[in-house]
Amino acid sequence: DAIYRPGYAYSKAEVLLMDLRQRGEFTGDLF
């Protein structure tokens, strides 16, 4: 919604999942 601009004929969308880690590799945030 933030990057869509009306008036254009869109041909493609892309999604990237990044900073992938296994469970337990992330440090939790208490807040």
ModelCIF file with pLDDT and N, C-alpha, C, O atoms, coordinates in Angstrom:
data_MODEL
#
_entry.id   MODEL 
#
_entity.id                         1 
_entity.type                       polymer 
_entity.pdbx_number_of_molecules   1 
#
_entity_poly.entity_id                      1 
_entity_poly.type                           'polypeptide(L)' 
_entity_poly.nstd_linkage                   no 
_entity_poly.nstd_monomer                   no 
_entity_poly.pdbx_seq_one_letter_code       DAIYRPGYAYSKAEVLLMDLRQRGEFTGDLF 
_entity_poly.pdbx_seq_one_letter_code_can   DAIYRPGYAYSKAEVLLMDLRQRGEFTGDLF 
_entity_poly.pdbx_strand_id                 A 
#
loop_
_entity_poly_seq.entity_id 
_entity_poly_seq.num 
_entity_poly_seq.mon_id 
_entity_poly_seq.hetero 
1 1  ASP n 
1 2  ALA n 
1 3  ILE n 
1 4  TYR n 
1 5  ARG n 
1 6  PRO n 
1 7  GLY n 
1 8  TYR n 
1 9  ALA n 
1 10 TYR n 
1 11 SER n 
1 12 LYS n 
1 13 ALA n 
1 14 GLU n 
1 15 VAL n 
1 16 LEU n 
1 17 LEU n 
1 18 MET n 
1 19 ASP n 
1 20 LEU n 
1 21 ARG n 
1 22 GLN n 
1 23 ARG n 
1 24 GLY n 
1 25 GLU n 
1 26 PHE n 
1 27 THR n 
1 28 GLY n 
1 29 ASP n 
1 30 LEU n 
1 31 PHE n 
#
_struct_asym.id          A 
_struct_asym.entity_id   1 
#
loop_
_ma_qa_metric.id 
_ma_qa_metric.mode 
_ma_qa_metric.name 
_ma_qa_metric.software_group_id 
_ma_qa_metric.type 
1 global pLDDT . pLDDT 
2 local  pLDDT . pLDDT 
#
_ma_qa_metric_global.metric_id      1 
_ma_qa_metric_global.metric_value   81.81 
_ma_qa_metric_global.model_id       1 
_ma_qa_metric_global.ordinal_id     1 
#
loop_
_ma_qa_metric_local.label_asym_id 
_ma_qa_metric_local.label_comp_id 
_ma_qa_metric_local.label_seq_id 
_ma_qa_metric_local.metric_id 
_ma_qa_metric_local.metric_value 
_ma_qa_metric_local.model_id 
_ma_qa_metric_local.ordinal_id 
A ASP 1  2 95.00 1 1  
A ALA 2  2 94.00 1 2  
A ILE 3  2 94.00 1 3  
A TYR 4  2 95.00 1 4  
A ARG 5  2 95.00 1 5  
A PRO 6  2 94.00 1 6  
A GLY 7  2 91.00 1 7  
A TYR 8  2 92.00 1 8  
A ALA 9  2 92.00 1 9  
A TYR 10 2 93.00 1 10 
A SER 11 2 90.00 1 11 
A LYS 12 2 91.00 1 12 
A ALA 13 2 93.00 1 13 
A GLU 14 2 93.00 1 14 
A VAL 15 2 94.00 1 15 
A LEU 16 2 92.00 1 16 
A LEU 17 2 92.00 1 17 
A MET 18 2 86.00 1 18 
A ASP 19 2 83.00 1 19 
A LEU 20 2 85.00 1 20 
A ARG 21 2 81.00 1 21 
A GLN 22 2 77.00 1 22 
A ARG 23 2 71.00 1 23 
A GLY 24 2 63.00 1 24 
A GLU 25 2 61.00 1 25 
A PHE 26 2 58.00 1 26 
A THR 27 2 58.00 1 27 
A GLY 28 2 58.00 1 28 
A ASP 29 2 59.00 1 29 
A LEU 30 2 57.00 1 30 
A PHE 31 2 59.00 1 31 
#
loop_
_atom_site.group_PDB 
_atom_site.id 
_atom_site.type_symbol 
_atom_site.label_atom_id 
_atom_site.label_alt_id 
_atom_site.label_comp_id 
_atom_site.label_asym_id 
_atom_site.label_entity_id 
_atom_site.label_seq_id 
_atom_site.pdbx_PDB_ins_code 
_atom_site.Cartn_x 
_atom_site.Cartn_y 
_atom_site.Cartn_z 
_atom_site.occupancy 
_atom_site.B_iso_or_equiv 
_atom_site.pdbx_formal_charge 
_atom_site.auth_seq_id 
_atom_site.auth_comp_id 
_atom_site.auth_asym_id 
_atom_site.auth_atom_id 
_atom_site.pdbx_PDB_model_num 
ATOM 1   N N  . ASP A 1 1  ? 0.828  -1.208  0.000   1.00 95.00 ? 1  ASP A N  1 
ATOM 2   C CA . ASP A 1 1  ? 0.000  0.000   0.000   1.00 95.00 ? 1  ASP A CA 1 
ATOM 3   C C  . ASP A 1 1  ? 0.867  1.264   0.000   1.00 95.00 ? 1  ASP A C  1 
ATOM 4   O O  . ASP A 1 1  ? 0.472  2.293   -0.548  1.00 95.00 ? 1  ASP A O  1 
ATOM 5   N N  . ALA A 1 2  ? 2.044  1.177   0.616   1.00 94.00 ? 2  ALA A N  1 
ATOM 6   C CA . ALA A 1 2  ? 2.915  2.351   0.706   1.00 94.00 ? 2  ALA A CA 1 
ATOM 7   C C  . ALA A 1 2  ? 3.615  2.663   -0.616  1.00 94.00 ? 2  ALA A C  1 
ATOM 8   O O  . ALA A 1 2  ? 3.926  3.823   -0.885  1.00 94.00 ? 2  ALA A O  1 
ATOM 9   N N  . ILE A 1 3  ? 3.867  1.657   -1.438  1.00 94.00 ? 3  ILE A N  1 
ATOM 10  C CA . ILE A 1 3  ? 4.622  1.909   -2.679  1.00 94.00 ? 3  ILE A CA 1 
ATOM 11  C C  . ILE A 1 3  ? 3.751  1.896   -3.930  1.00 94.00 ? 3  ILE A C  1 
ATOM 12  O O  . ILE A 1 3  ? 4.209  2.290   -5.003  1.00 94.00 ? 3  ILE A O  1 
ATOM 13  N N  . TYR A 1 4  ? 2.502  1.449   -3.810  1.00 95.00 ? 4  TYR A N  1 
ATOM 14  C CA . TYR A 1 4  ? 1.613  1.424   -4.979  1.00 95.00 ? 4  TYR A CA 1 
ATOM 15  C C  . TYR A 1 4  ? 1.313  2.852   -5.444  1.00 95.00 ? 4  TYR A C  1 
ATOM 16  O O  . TYR A 1 4  ? 1.065  3.740   -4.629  1.00 95.00 ? 4  TYR A O  1 
ATOM 17  N N  . ARG A 1 5  ? 1.339  3.054   -6.735  1.00 95.00 ? 5  ARG A N  1 
ATOM 18  C CA . ARG A 1 5  ? 0.981  4.326   -7.334  1.00 95.00 ? 5  ARG A CA 1 
ATOM 19  C C  . ARG A 1 5  ? -0.065 4.079   -8.423  1.00 95.00 ? 5  ARG A C  1 
ATOM 20  O O  . ARG A 1 5  ? 0.158  3.246   -9.302  1.00 95.00 ? 5  ARG A O  1 
ATOM 21  N N  . PRO A 1 6  ? -1.196 4.781   -8.386  1.00 94.00 ? 6  PRO A N  1 
ATOM 22  C CA . PRO A 1 6  ? -2.213 4.590   -9.430  1.00 94.00 ? 6  PRO A CA 1 
ATOM 23  C C  . PRO A 1 6  ? -1.732 5.116   -10.776 1.00 94.00 ? 6  PRO A C  1 
ATOM 24  O O  . PRO A 1 6  ? -0.817 5.936   -10.853 1.00 94.00 ? 6  PRO A O  1 
ATOM 25  N N  . GLY A 1 7  ? -2.368 4.628   -11.829 1.00 91.00 ? 7  GLY A N  1 
ATOM 26  C CA . GLY A 1 7  ? -2.058 5.122   -13.161 1.00 91.00 ? 7  GLY A CA 1 
ATOM 27  C C  . GLY A 1 7  ? -1.034 4.304   -13.915 1.00 91.00 ? 7  GLY A C  1 
ATOM 28  O O  . GLY A 1 7  ? -0.686 4.647   -15.045 1.00 91.00 ? 7  GLY A O  1 
ATOM 29  N N  . TYR A 1 8  ? -0.536 3.212   -13.311 1.00 92.00 ? 8  TYR A N  1 
ATOM 30  C CA . TYR A 1 8  ? 0.465  2.369   -13.969 1.00 92.00 ? 8  TYR A CA 1 
ATOM 31  C C  . TYR A 1 8  ? -0.117 0.981   -14.251 1.00 92.00 ? 8  TYR A C  1 
ATOM 32  O O  . TYR A 1 8  ? -1.017 0.508   -13.556 1.00 92.00 ? 8  TYR A O  1 
ATOM 33  N N  . ALA A 1 9  ? 0.425  0.349   -15.290 1.00 92.00 ? 9  ALA A N  1 
ATOM 34  C CA . ALA A 1 9  ? 0.034  -1.026  -15.626 1.00 92.00 ? 9  ALA A CA 1 
ATOM 35  C C  . ALA A 1 9  ? 1.113  -1.956  -15.086 1.00 92.00 ? 9  ALA A C  1 
ATOM 36  O O  . ALA A 1 9  ? 2.177  -2.093  -15.689 1.00 92.00 ? 9  ALA A O  1 
ATOM 37  N N  . TYR A 1 10 ? 0.840  -2.590  -13.955 1.00 93.00 ? 10 TYR A N  1 
ATOM 38  C CA . TYR A 1 10 ? 1.839  -3.410  -13.274 1.00 93.00 ? 10 TYR A CA 1 
ATOM 39  C C  . TYR A 1 10 ? 1.917  -4.803  -13.902 1.00 93.00 ? 10 TYR A C  1 
ATOM 40  O O  . TYR A 1 10 ? 0.906  -5.402  -14.269 1.00 93.00 ? 10 TYR A O  1 
ATOM 41  N N  . SER A 1 11 ? 3.148  -5.293  -14.010 1.00 90.00 ? 11 SER A N  1 
ATOM 42  C CA . SER A 1 11 ? 3.365  -6.602  -14.643 1.00 90.00 ? 11 SER A CA 1 
ATOM 43  C C  . SER A 1 11 ? 3.857  -7.667  -13.665 1.00 90.00 ? 11 SER A C  1 
ATOM 44  O O  . SER A 1 11 ? 3.796  -8.857  -13.974 1.00 90.00 ? 11 SER A O  1 
ATOM 45  N N  . LYS A 1 12 ? 4.346  -7.257  -12.486 1.00 91.00 ? 12 LYS A N  1 
ATOM 46  C CA . LYS A 1 12 ? 4.985  -8.238  -11.618 1.00 91.00 ? 12 LYS A CA 1 
ATOM 47  C C  . LYS A 1 12 ? 5.003  -7.744  -10.172 1.00 91.00 ? 12 LYS A C  1 
ATOM 48  O O  . LYS A 1 12 ? 5.119  -6.546  -9.911  1.00 91.00 ? 12 LYS A O  1 
ATOM 49  N N  . ALA A 1 13 ? 4.888  -8.686  -9.244  1.00 93.00 ? 13 ALA A N  1 
ATOM 50  C CA . ALA A 1 13 ? 5.099  -8.415  -7.822  1.00 93.00 ? 13 ALA A CA 1 
ATOM 51  C C  . ALA A 1 13 ? 6.066  -9.457  -7.285  1.00 93.00 ? 13 ALA A C  1 
ATOM 52  O O  . ALA A 1 13 ? 6.170  -10.564 -7.814  1.00 93.00 ? 13 ALA A O  1 
ATOM 53  N N  . GLU A 1 14 ? 6.773  -9.083  -6.221  1.00 93.00 ? 14 GLU A N  1 
ATOM 54  C CA . GLU A 1 14 ? 7.800  -9.971  -5.666  1.00 93.00 ? 14 GLU A CA 1 
ATOM 55  C C  . GLU A 1 14 ? 7.813  -9.840  -4.153  1.00 93.00 ? 14 GLU A C  1 
ATOM 56  O O  . GLU A 1 14 ? 7.656  -8.752  -3.600  1.00 93.00 ? 14 GLU A O  1 
ATOM 57  N N  . VAL A 1 15 ? 8.005  -10.978 -3.500  1.00 94.00 ? 15 VAL A N  1 
ATOM 58  C CA . VAL A 1 15 ? 8.121  -11.005 -2.039  1.00 94.00 ? 15 VAL A CA 1 
ATOM 59  C C  . VAL A 1 15 ? 9.425  -11.700 -1.679  1.00 94.00 ? 15 VAL A C  1 
ATOM 60  O O  . VAL A 1 15 ? 9.713  -12.784 -2.185  1.00 94.00 ? 15 VAL A O  1 
ATOM 61  N N  . LEU A 1 16 ? 10.221 -11.076 -0.800  1.00 92.00 ? 16 LEU A N  1 
ATOM 62  C CA . LEU A 1 16 ? 11.459 -11.662 -0.296  1.00 92.00 ? 16 LEU A CA 1 
ATOM 63  C C  . LEU A 1 16 ? 11.344 -11.849 1.213   1.00 92.00 ? 16 LEU A C  1 
ATOM 64  O O  . LEU A 1 16 ? 11.074 -10.893 1.940   1.00 92.00 ? 16 LEU A O  1 
ATOM 65  N N  . LEU A 1 17 ? 11.547 -13.077 1.685   1.00 92.00 ? 17 LEU A N  1 
ATOM 66  C CA . LEU A 1 17 ? 11.686 -13.333 3.116   1.00 92.00 ? 17 LEU A CA 1 
ATOM 67  C C  . LEU A 1 17 ? 13.180 -13.366 3.407   1.00 92.00 ? 17 LEU A C  1 
ATOM 68  O O  . LEU A 1 17 ? 13.919 -14.144 2.802   1.00 92.00 ? 17 LEU A O  1 
ATOM 69  N N  . MET A 1 18 ? 13.625 -12.521 4.334   1.00 86.00 ? 18 MET A N  1 
ATOM 70  C CA . MET A 1 18 ? 15.056 -12.332 4.549   1.00 86.00 ? 18 MET A CA 1 
ATOM 71  C C  . MET A 1 18 ? 15.419 -12.532 6.017   1.00 86.00 ? 18 MET A C  1 
ATOM 72  O O  . MET A 1 18 ? 14.557 -12.722 6.876   1.00 86.00 ? 18 MET A O  1 
ATOM 73  N N  . ASP A 1 19 ? 16.740 -12.480 6.275   1.00 83.00 ? 19 ASP A N  1 
ATOM 74  C CA . ASP A 1 19 ? 17.265 -12.671 7.631   1.00 83.00 ? 19 ASP A CA 1 
ATOM 75  C C  . ASP A 1 19 ? 16.693 -13.953 8.223   1.00 83.00 ? 19 ASP A C  1 
ATOM 76  O O  . ASP A 1 19 ? 16.185 -13.964 9.345   1.00 83.00 ? 19 ASP A O  1 
ATOM 77  N N  . LEU A 1 20 ? 16.785 -15.042 7.443   1.00 85.00 ? 20 LEU A N  1 
ATOM 78  C CA . LEU A 1 20 ? 16.225 -16.325 7.875   1.00 85.00 ? 20 LEU A CA 1 
ATOM 79  C C  . LEU A 1 20 ? 17.173 -17.013 8.846   1.00 85.00 ? 20 LEU A C  1 
ATOM 80  O O  . LEU A 1 20 ? 18.376 -17.111 8.606   1.00 85.00 ? 20 LEU A O  1 
ATOM 81  N N  . ARG A 1 21 ? 16.610 -17.480 9.932   1.00 81.00 ? 21 ARG A N  1 
ATOM 82  C CA . ARG A 1 21 ? 17.391 -18.216 10.922  1.00 81.00 ? 21 ARG A CA 1 
ATOM 83  C C  . ARG A 1 21 ? 16.554 -19.353 11.478  1.00 81.00 ? 21 ARG A C  1 
ATOM 84  O O  . ARG A 1 21 ? 15.327 -19.360 11.378  1.00 81.00 ? 21 ARG A O  1 
ATOM 85  N N  . GLN A 1 22 ? 17.250 -20.311 12.064  1.00 77.00 ? 22 GLN A N  1 
ATOM 86  C CA . GLN A 1 22 ? 16.557 -21.430 12.679  1.00 77.00 ? 22 GLN A CA 1 
ATOM 87  C C  . GLN A 1 22 ? 15.981 -20.990 14.022  1.00 77.00 ? 22 GLN A C  1 
ATOM 88  O O  . GLN A 1 22 ? 16.444 -20.023 14.627  1.00 77.00 ? 22 GLN A O  1 
ATOM 89  N N  . ARG A 1 23 ? 14.974 -21.710 14.470  1.00 71.00 ? 23 ARG A N  1 
ATOM 90  C CA . ARG A 1 23 ? 14.379 -21.398 15.777  1.00 71.00 ? 23 ARG A CA 1 
ATOM 91  C C  . ARG A 1 23 ? 15.461 -21.475 16.855  1.00 71.00 ? 23 ARG A C  1 
ATOM 92  O O  . ARG A 1 23 ? 16.274 -22.399 16.866  1.00 71.00 ? 23 ARG A O  1 
ATOM 93  N N  . GLY A 1 24 ? 15.463 -20.507 17.748  1.00 63.00 ? 24 GLY A N  1 
ATOM 94  C CA . GLY A 1 24 ? 16.449 -20.489 18.818  1.00 63.00 ? 24 GLY A CA 1 
ATOM 95  C C  . GLY A 1 24 ? 17.654 -19.623 18.502  1.00 63.00 ? 24 GLY A C  1 
ATOM 96  O O  . GLY A 1 24 ? 18.454 -19.324 19.389  1.00 63.00 ? 24 GLY A O  1 
ATOM 97  N N  . GLU A 1 25 ? 17.795 -19.211 17.224  1.00 61.00 ? 25 GLU A N  1 
ATOM 98  C CA . GLU A 1 25 ? 18.932 -18.371 16.845  1.00 61.00 ? 25 GLU A CA 1 
ATOM 99  C C  . GLU A 1 25 ? 18.657 -16.881 17.035  1.00 61.00 ? 25 GLU A C  1 
ATOM 100 O O  . GLU A 1 25 ? 19.584 -16.072 17.049  1.00 61.00 ? 25 GLU A O  1 
ATOM 101 N N  . PHE A 1 26 ? 17.389 -16.522 17.181  1.00 58.00 ? 26 PHE A N  1 
ATOM 102 C CA . PHE A 1 26 ? 17.044 -15.123 17.412  1.00 58.00 ? 26 PHE A CA 1 
ATOM 103 C C  . PHE A 1 26 ? 17.076 -14.818 18.911  1.00 58.00 ? 26 PHE A C  1 
ATOM 104 O O  . PHE A 1 26 ? 16.693 -15.654 19.730  1.00 58.00 ? 26 PHE A O  1 
ATOM 105 N N  . THR A 1 27 ? 17.528 -13.631 19.255  1.00 58.00 ? 27 THR A N  1 
ATOM 106 C CA . THR A 1 27 ? 17.469 -13.167 20.639  1.00 58.00 ? 27 THR A CA 1 
ATOM 107 C C  . THR A 1 27 ? 16.164 -12.414 20.838  1.00 58.00 ? 27 THR A C  1 
ATOM 108 O O  . THR A 1 27 ? 15.883 -11.446 20.132  1.00 58.00 ? 27 THR A O  1 
ATOM 109 N N  . GLY A 1 28 ? 15.369 -12.861 21.800  1.00 58.00 ? 28 GLY A N  1 
ATOM 110 C CA . GLY A 1 28 ? 14.060 -12.266 22.020  1.00 58.00 ? 28 GLY A CA 1 
ATOM 111 C C  . GLY A 1 28 ? 14.149 -10.861 22.592  1.00 58.00 ? 28 GLY A C  1 
ATOM 112 O O  . GLY A 1 28 ? 15.135 -10.486 23.226  1.00 58.00 ? 28 GLY A O  1 
ATOM 113 N N  . ASP A 1 29 ? 13.086 -10.090 22.349  1.00 59.00 ? 29 ASP A N  1 
ATOM 114 C CA . ASP A 1 29 ? 12.983 -8.722  22.871  1.00 59.00 ? 29 ASP A CA 1 
ATOM 115 C C  . ASP A 1 29 ? 11.852 -8.711  23.909  1.00 59.00 ? 29 ASP A C  1 
ATOM 116 O O  . ASP A 1 29 ? 10.697 -8.983  23.581  1.00 59.00 ? 29 ASP A O  1 
ATOM 117 N N  . LEU A 1 30 ? 12.197 -8.394  25.161  1.00 57.00 ? 30 LEU A N  1 
ATOM 118 C CA . LEU A 1 30 ? 11.205 -8.426  26.235  1.00 57.00 ? 30 LEU A CA 1 
ATOM 119 C C  . LEU A 1 30 ? 10.067 -7.444  25.995  1.00 57.00 ? 30 LEU A C  1 
ATOM 120 O O  . LEU A 1 30 ? 8.962  -7.657  26.493  1.00 57.00 ? 30 LEU A O  1 
ATOM 121 N N  . PHE A 1 31 ? 10.312 -6.376  25.244  1.00 59.00 ? 31 PHE A N  1 
ATOM 122 C CA . PHE A 1 31 ? 9.318  -5.330  25.073  1.00 59.00 ? 31 PHE A CA 1 
ATOM 123 C C  . PHE A 1 31 ? 8.580  -5.425  23.732  1.00 59.00 ? 31 PHE A C  1 
ATOM 124 O O  . PHE A 1 31 ? 7.708  -4.604  23.447  1.00 59.00 ? 31 PHE A O  1 
#
